[in-house]
Amino acid sequence: MLYTQEHLELQRSVRKFIDTEINPYVDEWEAAEIFPAHELFKKMGRAGYLGITKPVAYGGLGLDYSYALAFAEALGHIRCGGVPMAIGVQTDMATPALARFGSDELRREFLAPSIAGDYVACLGVSEPGAGSDVASIKTTARKDGGDYVINGSKMWTTSGTQADWICLLANTSEGAPHRNKSLICVPMKTKGVTVARKLKKLGMWSSDTAQLFFDDVRVPQRFRIGEEGMGFTYQMLQFQEERLWAAAQWTVLERVIDETIAYTRSRQAFGQSILDNQYVHFRLAELKTEVEALKALTHHAAELYLQGEDVTMLASMAKLKAGRLSREVADACLQFWGGMGYMWESSPARVLRDTRLSSIGGGADEVMLGIICKHMGTLPRK
C-alpha cells in the first residue's frame, strides 16, 4: 500500500499527539492499572482521531480504511499496549457495526458521542465459557413488550470499568447459533448492569478490563443494531477490521528492534559492544525482515479490503503472524538486553507482556489456523 502525503501527515500528527498527551504519562498509567479514558478520548475526539472512517454526518472524517490502518500503525509509537488497545476497541471493535448497520437515531445516540470522545465504548462478546467460540455465548435478550430484557455476563471487557455503553452480543431467539444473535447498544448505567470486578492481567496494565453481569437489564428494542438475528454476521464482519488492526502492531515490533539496536550498540561486554557480535546483528536483521513481511501481508489484505473483497483468510493470516512474531521479537530483544531486559520497566519486557495477548484476543491462534484451513479447503471431512 502506497501512502499519500495525507496518510503520512496523519501519522506525523498522531505521533506528535502521543508525544504530548500519552507517552509522558504511560508509566503512571501502567502503575495505576488504568488510564483516564474520558479525558484522553475527549482530546482525541477534538483532533478527529476517533472517527476516521465514520460518516461525516455523525462527526467522522468519512475517509477510507487506508487511513484507519495508517492511524493504527502510528499508535505503535505509544510506549505500552494497553492504551492503543482501548483506542482500537473504541474505533475498530465496538463501533463499526453501529456505523454500518445502526439506525440514524441509534447512531446519533451512541456513535456521534463516541466519535466526539464524550462516550467511552466497550465490546461485550467474550464470556467466561465462550471466548474465541463466539457462537456458544449464553447471554440472552428476550422480548418483553417493546423492550429487551438481558441476562448473562461478559468477560475480559476492555474499558469495562469506565465505559458509557457496551456493544453487546446476545441470543435473541432459540434458533441456530449463527442466526439467533443480535448486537445491542446497552448504556452501562442501566439498572441491572454490574461491574463485578476489575481484572488483573499479565500485561496491558494501563487498560482497565472488567467482568460484567447483566441481571434483568431492560433496554428498548430500538437499541438493537440492524436486523434481529444478524449479530453473529455483523460481529464476523467487525473481526476483519479488528484483526487487521491487530496486525498493524508491526510498528511496535519495529520500535523495539530499533531500541534494541541502540541499547546493544551502547552496551559493552568483553571488549566490544553487544551489537558487534555477529549473532546479535544477524538475528536482528532476521527479525527486521520478518516484520517487513508482516507489514507487506497486512497492507496487501487492507488493499483488497478497500476494494470490497472478503479478506477473512488474509486478515486471519496477518493476525496469526503478528501474534507469533511478537513473541519471537520481544523474547529475542529481551535476551540481548540481558539483565536490564528482565527488569519490569524495560521496553522489551513490556512488549513481551503486552503483545502476548495478540495470540488470544480477537480469536486465538488456533481459531485463525482453522479459518485459514477452511478457506484452503483442508479441514477434515465430517
Protein backbone atom coordinates (compact mmCIF):
# COMPACT_ATOMS: atom_id res chain seq x y z
CA MET A 1 0.00 0.00 0.00
CA LEU A 2 1.43 3.34 -1.04
CA TYR A 3 0.61 6.03 1.49
CA THR A 4 -0.05 9.52 0.17
CA GLN A 5 1.19 12.72 1.75
CA GLU A 6 -2.15 12.87 3.59
CA HIS A 7 -1.56 9.46 5.17
CA LEU A 8 1.93 10.43 6.26
CA GLU A 9 0.72 13.74 7.67
CA LEU A 10 -1.93 11.90 9.69
CA GLN A 11 0.76 9.65 11.14
CA ARG A 12 3.01 12.61 11.98
CA SER A 13 0.11 14.35 13.68
CA VAL A 14 -0.76 11.24 15.71
CA ARG A 15 2.85 10.72 16.83
CA LYS A 16 3.06 14.36 17.89
CA PHE A 17 -0.15 13.94 19.88
CA ILE A 18 1.25 10.80 21.51
CA ASP A 19 4.47 12.58 22.49
CA THR A 20 2.46 15.34 24.17
CA GLU A 21 -0.65 13.68 25.58
CA ILE A 22 0.20 10.00 26.11
CA ASN A 23 3.83 8.92 26.41
CA PRO A 24 4.71 11.31 29.28
CA TYR A 25 2.03 9.59 31.39
CA VAL A 26 2.34 5.95 30.31
CA ASP A 27 4.42 4.81 33.28
CA GLU A 28 2.00 6.49 35.68
CA TRP A 29 -1.00 4.84 33.99
CA GLU A 30 0.72 1.46 33.95
CA ALA A 31 1.36 1.69 37.70
CA ALA A 32 -2.26 2.74 38.33
CA GLU A 33 -3.52 -0.07 36.06
CA ILE A 34 -5.88 2.38 34.34
CA PHE A 35 -5.70 5.47 32.15
CA PRO A 36 -8.20 8.37 32.14
CA ALA A 37 -10.19 7.27 29.10
CA HIS A 38 -12.74 10.09 29.12
CA GLU A 39 -10.07 12.76 29.40
CA LEU A 40 -7.85 11.26 26.70
CA PHE A 41 -10.67 10.32 24.32
CA LYS A 42 -12.12 13.82 24.51
CA LYS A 43 -8.78 15.20 23.32
CA MET A 44 -8.62 12.58 20.59
CA GLY A 45 -12.20 13.35 19.57
CA ARG A 46 -11.37 17.03 19.15
CA ALA A 47 -8.45 16.04 16.92
CA GLY A 48 -10.70 13.83 14.77
CA TYR A 49 -8.91 10.59 15.63
CA LEU A 50 -11.91 8.56 16.85
CA GLY A 51 -13.97 8.69 13.67
CA ILE A 52 -11.50 8.49 10.81
CA THR A 53 -13.66 6.16 8.70
CA LYS A 54 -17.00 7.03 10.27
CA PRO A 55 -19.75 9.01 8.47
CA VAL A 56 -19.35 12.77 8.39
CA ALA A 57 -22.99 13.15 9.43
CA TYR A 58 -22.08 11.81 12.89
CA GLY A 59 -18.83 13.71 13.34
CA GLY A 60 -16.49 11.36 11.49
CA LEU A 61 -13.99 12.21 8.78
CA GLY A 62 -15.50 9.87 6.19
CA LEU A 63 -12.11 8.59 5.00
CA ASP A 64 -11.44 5.12 3.61
CA TYR A 65 -9.92 2.25 5.58
CA SER A 66 -6.35 3.00 4.48
CA TYR A 67 -6.39 5.98 6.84
CA ALA A 68 -7.61 3.81 9.72
CA LEU A 69 -4.70 1.45 9.09
CA ALA A 70 -2.23 4.34 8.96
CA PHE A 71 -3.67 5.55 12.27
CA ALA A 72 -3.37 2.10 13.86
CA GLU A 73 0.25 1.86 12.77
CA ALA A 74 1.02 5.28 14.26
CA LEU A 75 -0.31 4.06 17.62
CA GLY A 76 2.74 1.80 17.79
CA HIS A 77 4.56 4.94 18.93
CA ILE A 78 2.78 4.62 22.29
CA ARG A 79 5.12 3.08 24.84
CA CYS A 80 2.63 0.49 26.10
CA GLY A 81 -0.03 -1.78 24.68
CA GLY A 82 -2.99 -1.03 26.93
CA VAL A 83 -3.80 2.47 25.71
CA PRO A 84 -3.71 1.67 21.98
CA MET A 85 -5.80 -1.44 22.61
CA ALA A 86 -8.51 0.66 24.29
CA ILE A 87 -8.38 3.14 21.41
CA GLY A 88 -8.77 0.24 18.99
CA VAL A 89 -11.83 -1.00 20.86
CA GLN A 90 -13.35 2.48 20.53
CA THR A 91 -12.62 2.85 16.82
CA ASP A 92 -12.45 -0.63 15.30
CA MET A 93 -14.26 -3.07 17.58
CA ALA A 94 -17.24 -1.54 19.40
CA THR A 95 -18.42 0.92 16.74
CA PRO A 96 -18.01 -0.43 13.15
CA ALA A 97 -21.29 -2.41 13.14
CA LEU A 98 -23.14 0.55 14.64
CA ALA A 99 -21.72 2.87 11.99
CA ARG A 100 -22.58 0.46 9.18
CA PHE A 101 -25.93 -1.02 10.22
CA GLY A 102 -27.36 1.13 13.02
CA SER A 103 -30.42 3.32 12.56
CA ASP A 104 -29.94 7.06 12.24
CA GLU A 105 -31.46 7.52 15.68
CA LEU A 106 -29.13 4.95 17.22
CA ARG A 107 -26.08 6.45 15.57
CA ARG A 108 -26.97 9.90 16.84
CA GLU A 109 -27.43 8.50 20.34
CA PHE A 110 -24.31 6.30 20.63
CA LEU A 111 -21.98 6.73 17.64
CA ALA A 112 -21.77 10.53 17.49
CA PRO A 113 -20.73 10.97 21.16
CA SER A 114 -18.25 8.08 20.79
CA ILE A 115 -16.61 9.82 17.83
CA ALA A 116 -16.55 13.09 19.78
CA GLY A 117 -14.92 11.37 22.77
CA ASP A 118 -17.84 12.15 25.06
CA TYR A 119 -18.63 8.43 25.39
CA VAL A 120 -16.25 5.57 26.06
CA ALA A 121 -17.41 2.38 24.34
CA CYS A 122 -16.71 -1.25 25.13
CA LEU A 123 -17.48 -4.53 23.40
CA GLY A 124 -19.36 -7.39 25.04
CA VAL A 125 -18.72 -10.65 23.19
CA SER A 126 -16.48 -12.96 25.27
CA GLU A 127 -17.91 -14.76 28.28
CA PRO A 128 -16.34 -16.95 30.99
CA GLY A 129 -17.27 -20.04 28.96
CA ALA A 130 -17.10 -18.55 25.47
CA GLY A 131 -14.00 -16.76 24.26
CA SER A 132 -13.00 -17.48 20.67
CA ASP A 133 -16.10 -19.67 20.25
CA VAL A 134 -18.46 -16.74 19.72
CA ALA A 135 -21.38 -18.95 18.68
CA SER A 136 -21.55 -20.53 22.15
CA ILE A 137 -22.31 -17.37 24.17
CA LYS A 138 -25.07 -17.76 26.77
CA THR A 139 -26.20 -14.15 27.39
CA THR A 140 -29.85 -13.72 26.40
CA ALA A 141 -32.06 -10.82 25.45
CA ARG A 142 -35.75 -11.79 25.48
CA LYS A 143 -38.50 -9.55 24.21
CA ASP A 144 -40.93 -8.05 26.68
CA GLY A 145 -43.27 -5.52 25.11
CA GLY A 146 -41.11 -3.01 23.30
CA ASP A 147 -38.01 -3.89 25.32
CA TYR A 148 -35.28 -6.48 25.55
CA VAL A 149 -34.59 -7.96 28.99
CA ILE A 150 -30.95 -9.03 29.16
CA ASN A 151 -29.43 -11.65 31.45
CA GLY A 152 -25.92 -13.05 31.44
CA SER A 153 -22.32 -11.99 31.81
CA LYS A 154 -19.34 -10.80 29.81
CA MET A 155 -15.65 -11.33 30.48
CA TRP A 156 -12.37 -9.58 29.57
CA THR A 157 -14.20 -6.39 28.64
CA THR A 158 -11.69 -3.68 27.70
CA SER A 159 -12.57 -0.28 29.24
CA GLY A 160 -15.36 -2.06 31.12
CA THR A 161 -15.00 -0.04 34.34
CA GLN A 162 -15.10 3.33 32.53
CA ALA A 163 -17.39 2.72 29.56
CA ASP A 164 -20.60 4.63 28.98
CA TRP A 165 -22.12 1.95 26.74
CA ILE A 166 -21.44 -1.55 25.56
CA CYS A 167 -21.96 -3.09 22.13
CA LEU A 168 -23.42 -6.34 23.45
CA LEU A 169 -23.83 -9.63 21.60
CA ALA A 170 -26.75 -11.65 22.97
CA ASN A 171 -29.02 -14.51 21.97
CA THR A 172 -32.37 -13.02 20.95
CA SER A 173 -34.05 -16.26 19.87
CA GLU A 174 -33.86 -20.04 20.20
CA GLY A 175 -32.71 -20.54 16.60
CA ALA A 176 -29.44 -21.80 15.12
CA PRO A 177 -26.39 -20.34 16.96
CA HIS A 178 -25.21 -18.40 13.91
CA ARG A 179 -28.64 -16.86 13.30
CA ASN A 180 -30.06 -16.25 16.76
CA LYS A 181 -27.83 -13.41 17.95
CA SER A 182 -28.17 -9.64 17.86
CA LEU A 183 -25.92 -6.71 18.69
CA ILE A 184 -27.50 -4.28 21.17
CA CYS A 185 -26.31 -0.91 22.49
CA VAL A 186 -26.63 -1.02 26.27
CA PRO A 187 -25.93 2.06 28.44
CA MET A 188 -23.67 0.94 31.28
CA LYS A 189 -25.65 2.91 33.87
CA THR A 190 -28.81 0.93 33.13
CA LYS A 191 -30.28 -0.78 36.18
CA GLY A 192 -29.01 -4.35 36.46
CA VAL A 193 -25.60 -3.76 34.83
CA THR A 194 -22.86 -4.55 37.34
CA VAL A 195 -19.10 -4.31 37.07
CA ALA A 196 -18.32 -7.46 39.02
CA ARG A 197 -14.59 -6.88 39.23
CA LYS A 198 -11.65 -5.22 37.57
CA LEU A 199 -9.39 -7.95 36.25
CA LYS A 200 -5.65 -8.16 36.94
CA LYS A 201 -3.79 -9.24 33.82
CA LEU A 202 -0.29 -10.32 32.82
CA GLY A 203 0.10 -7.28 30.57
CA MET A 204 -1.87 -4.38 29.12
CA TRP A 205 -1.88 -2.91 32.62
CA SER A 206 -2.89 0.62 31.67
CA SER A 207 -6.12 -0.70 30.16
CA ASP A 208 -8.89 -1.47 32.63
CA THR A 209 -10.55 -4.82 31.93
CA ALA A 210 -13.75 -5.97 33.62
CA GLN A 211 -16.10 -8.83 34.24
CA LEU A 212 -19.70 -7.67 33.81
CA PHE A 213 -23.03 -9.07 34.98
CA PHE A 214 -26.46 -8.34 33.45
CA ASP A 215 -29.44 -9.04 35.69
CA ASP A 216 -32.83 -8.29 34.09
CA VAL A 217 -31.35 -5.33 32.23
CA ARG A 218 -34.13 -3.63 30.29
CA VAL A 219 -33.42 -1.61 27.14
CA PRO A 220 -35.72 -0.62 24.26
CA GLN A 221 -35.62 -2.83 21.18
CA ARG A 222 -34.70 0.23 19.13
CA PHE A 223 -31.23 -0.09 20.69
CA ARG A 224 -30.63 -3.16 18.53
CA ILE A 225 -28.07 -2.65 15.76
CA GLY A 226 -29.53 -3.60 12.38
CA GLU A 227 -31.63 -6.70 11.90
CA GLU A 228 -32.51 -9.13 14.64
CA GLY A 229 -30.57 -12.38 14.31
CA MET A 230 -27.76 -10.79 12.31
CA GLY A 231 -25.47 -10.09 15.27
CA PHE A 232 -23.13 -13.00 14.63
CA THR A 233 -22.70 -11.95 10.99
CA TYR A 234 -22.11 -8.32 11.97
CA GLN A 235 -19.54 -9.41 14.54
CA MET A 236 -17.70 -11.54 11.98
CA LEU A 237 -17.54 -8.52 9.67
CA GLN A 238 -16.13 -6.43 12.53
CA PHE A 239 -13.48 -9.10 13.08
CA GLN A 240 -11.91 -8.35 9.68
CA GLU A 241 -11.11 -4.80 10.78
CA GLU A 242 -10.20 -5.90 14.31
CA ARG A 243 -7.69 -8.46 13.04
CA LEU A 244 -6.12 -6.06 10.57
CA TRP A 245 -5.84 -3.56 13.40
CA ALA A 246 -4.03 -6.20 15.48
CA ALA A 247 -1.64 -6.92 12.62
CA ALA A 248 -0.80 -3.21 12.41
CA GLN A 249 1.22 -3.71 15.61
CA TRP A 250 4.20 -4.49 13.36
CA THR A 251 5.21 -0.91 14.18
CA VAL A 252 5.61 -1.89 17.86
CA LEU A 253 7.99 -4.67 16.83
CA GLU A 254 9.94 -2.32 14.60
CA ARG A 255 10.25 0.11 17.51
CA VAL A 256 11.56 -2.47 19.99
CA ILE A 257 14.08 -3.71 17.41
CA ASP A 258 15.34 -0.15 16.89
CA GLU A 259 15.57 0.36 20.66
CA THR A 260 17.50 -2.90 20.98
CA ILE A 261 19.96 -1.81 18.29
CA ALA A 262 20.57 1.42 20.21
CA TYR A 263 20.93 -0.37 23.55
CA THR A 264 23.23 -3.14 22.31
CA ARG A 265 25.40 -0.60 20.49
CA SER A 266 25.95 1.30 23.75
CA ARG A 267 26.41 -1.78 25.98
CA GLN A 268 29.98 -3.11 26.23
CA ALA A 269 30.97 -6.67 27.09
CA PHE A 270 34.28 -8.48 26.57
CA GLY A 271 35.87 -5.50 24.86
CA GLN A 272 33.20 -4.77 22.28
CA SER A 273 29.58 -3.69 22.03
CA ILE A 274 26.91 -6.37 22.25
CA LEU A 275 25.80 -5.34 18.77
CA ASP A 276 29.24 -6.15 17.34
CA ASN A 277 28.60 -9.85 17.92
CA GLN A 278 27.65 -11.37 14.59
CA TYR A 279 24.88 -13.47 16.09
CA VAL A 280 23.22 -10.36 17.54
CA HIS A 281 23.23 -8.20 14.44
CA PHE A 282 22.36 -11.14 12.18
CA ARG A 283 19.44 -12.10 14.43
CA LEU A 284 18.14 -8.52 14.46
CA ALA A 285 18.38 -8.50 10.66
CA GLU A 286 16.29 -11.68 10.51
CA LEU A 287 13.68 -10.20 12.79
CA LYS A 288 13.55 -6.95 10.83
CA THR A 289 12.94 -8.99 7.67
CA GLU A 290 10.07 -10.87 9.34
CA VAL A 291 8.50 -7.59 10.46
CA GLU A 292 8.72 -6.23 6.94
CA ALA A 293 6.98 -9.37 5.65
CA LEU A 294 4.18 -8.88 8.21
CA LYS A 295 3.82 -5.27 7.07
CA ALA A 296 3.52 -6.39 3.42
CA LEU A 297 0.88 -9.01 4.27
CA THR A 298 -1.12 -6.51 6.33
CA HIS A 299 -1.03 -3.87 3.62
CA HIS A 300 -1.97 -6.41 0.94
CA ALA A 301 -5.00 -7.51 2.95
CA ALA A 302 -6.00 -3.89 3.56
CA GLU A 303 -5.76 -3.07 -0.15
CA LEU A 304 -8.11 -5.93 -1.03
CA TYR A 305 -10.45 -4.91 1.81
CA LEU A 306 -10.59 -1.41 0.33
CA GLN A 307 -11.65 -2.98 -2.97
CA GLY A 308 -14.58 -4.65 -1.22
CA GLU A 309 -13.16 -8.16 -1.15
CA ASP A 310 -13.60 -10.66 1.66
CA VAL A 311 -10.21 -10.75 3.39
CA THR A 312 -11.16 -13.13 6.18
CA MET A 313 -8.33 -15.52 5.31
CA LEU A 314 -5.66 -12.85 4.80
CA ALA A 315 -6.69 -10.91 7.93
CA SER A 316 -6.53 -14.18 9.89
CA MET A 317 -3.07 -14.90 8.44
CA ALA A 318 -1.87 -11.42 9.37
CA LYS A 319 -3.18 -11.67 12.92
CA LEU A 320 -1.67 -15.15 13.33
CA LYS A 321 1.70 -13.92 12.10
CA ALA A 322 1.55 -10.79 14.25
CA GLY A 323 0.89 -12.73 17.44
CA ARG A 324 3.62 -15.29 16.88
CA LEU A 325 6.18 -12.82 15.61
CA SER A 326 5.52 -10.56 18.60
CA ARG A 327 6.64 -13.30 20.95
CA GLU A 328 9.70 -14.03 18.87
CA VAL A 329 10.81 -10.42 18.57
CA ALA A 330 10.14 -9.47 22.19
CA ASP A 331 11.88 -12.55 23.56
CA ALA A 332 14.96 -12.11 21.36
CA CYS A 333 15.26 -8.41 22.15
CA LEU A 334 14.83 -9.04 25.87
CA GLN A 335 17.68 -11.58 25.70
CA PHE A 336 20.01 -9.08 24.05
CA TRP A 337 19.25 -6.53 26.78
CA GLY A 338 20.49 -9.08 29.33
CA GLY A 339 19.70 -8.36 32.96
CA MET A 340 18.23 -4.97 32.06
CA GLY A 341 15.80 -6.71 29.71
CA TYR A 342 14.47 -8.79 32.60
CA MET A 343 13.62 -5.66 34.58
CA TRP A 344 9.89 -4.94 34.77
CA GLU A 345 10.24 -1.42 33.36
CA SER A 346 12.35 -2.34 30.31
CA SER A 347 10.90 -1.82 26.84
CA PRO A 348 11.21 -5.44 25.64
CA ALA A 349 9.72 -6.76 28.90
CA ARG A 350 6.65 -4.55 28.48
CA VAL A 351 6.32 -5.52 24.81
CA LEU A 352 6.62 -9.19 25.76
CA ARG A 353 3.83 -8.87 28.35
CA ASP A 354 1.53 -6.69 26.27
CA THR A 355 1.76 -8.40 22.90
CA ARG A 356 1.22 -11.89 24.35
CA LEU A 357 -2.49 -11.13 24.17
CA SER A 358 -2.28 -10.91 20.37
CA SER A 359 -2.43 -14.69 20.02
CA ILE A 360 -5.52 -14.91 22.25
CA GLY A 361 -7.79 -11.87 21.90
CA GLY A 362 -9.93 -11.39 18.81
CA GLY A 363 -9.68 -15.12 18.07
CA ALA A 364 -6.89 -17.37 19.29
CA ASP A 365 -4.11 -18.60 17.01
CA GLU A 366 -5.81 -21.96 16.79
CA VAL A 367 -9.01 -20.30 15.56
CA MET A 368 -7.02 -18.36 12.96
CA LEU A 369 -5.48 -21.62 11.75
CA GLY A 370 -8.94 -23.17 11.50
CA ILE A 371 -10.21 -20.23 9.43
CA ILE A 372 -7.20 -20.43 7.13
CA CYS A 373 -7.65 -24.18 6.70
CA LYS A 374 -11.34 -23.69 5.93
CA HIS A 375 -10.51 -21.25 3.14
CA MET A 376 -7.80 -23.60 1.87
CA GLY A 377 -10.25 -26.50 1.83
CA THR A 378 -8.03 -28.65 4.03
CA LEU A 379 -10.30 -29.24 7.03
CA PRO A 380 -11.21 -32.91 7.67
CA ARG A 381 -14.49 -34.01 6.13
CA LYS A 382 -17.19 -34.85 8.63
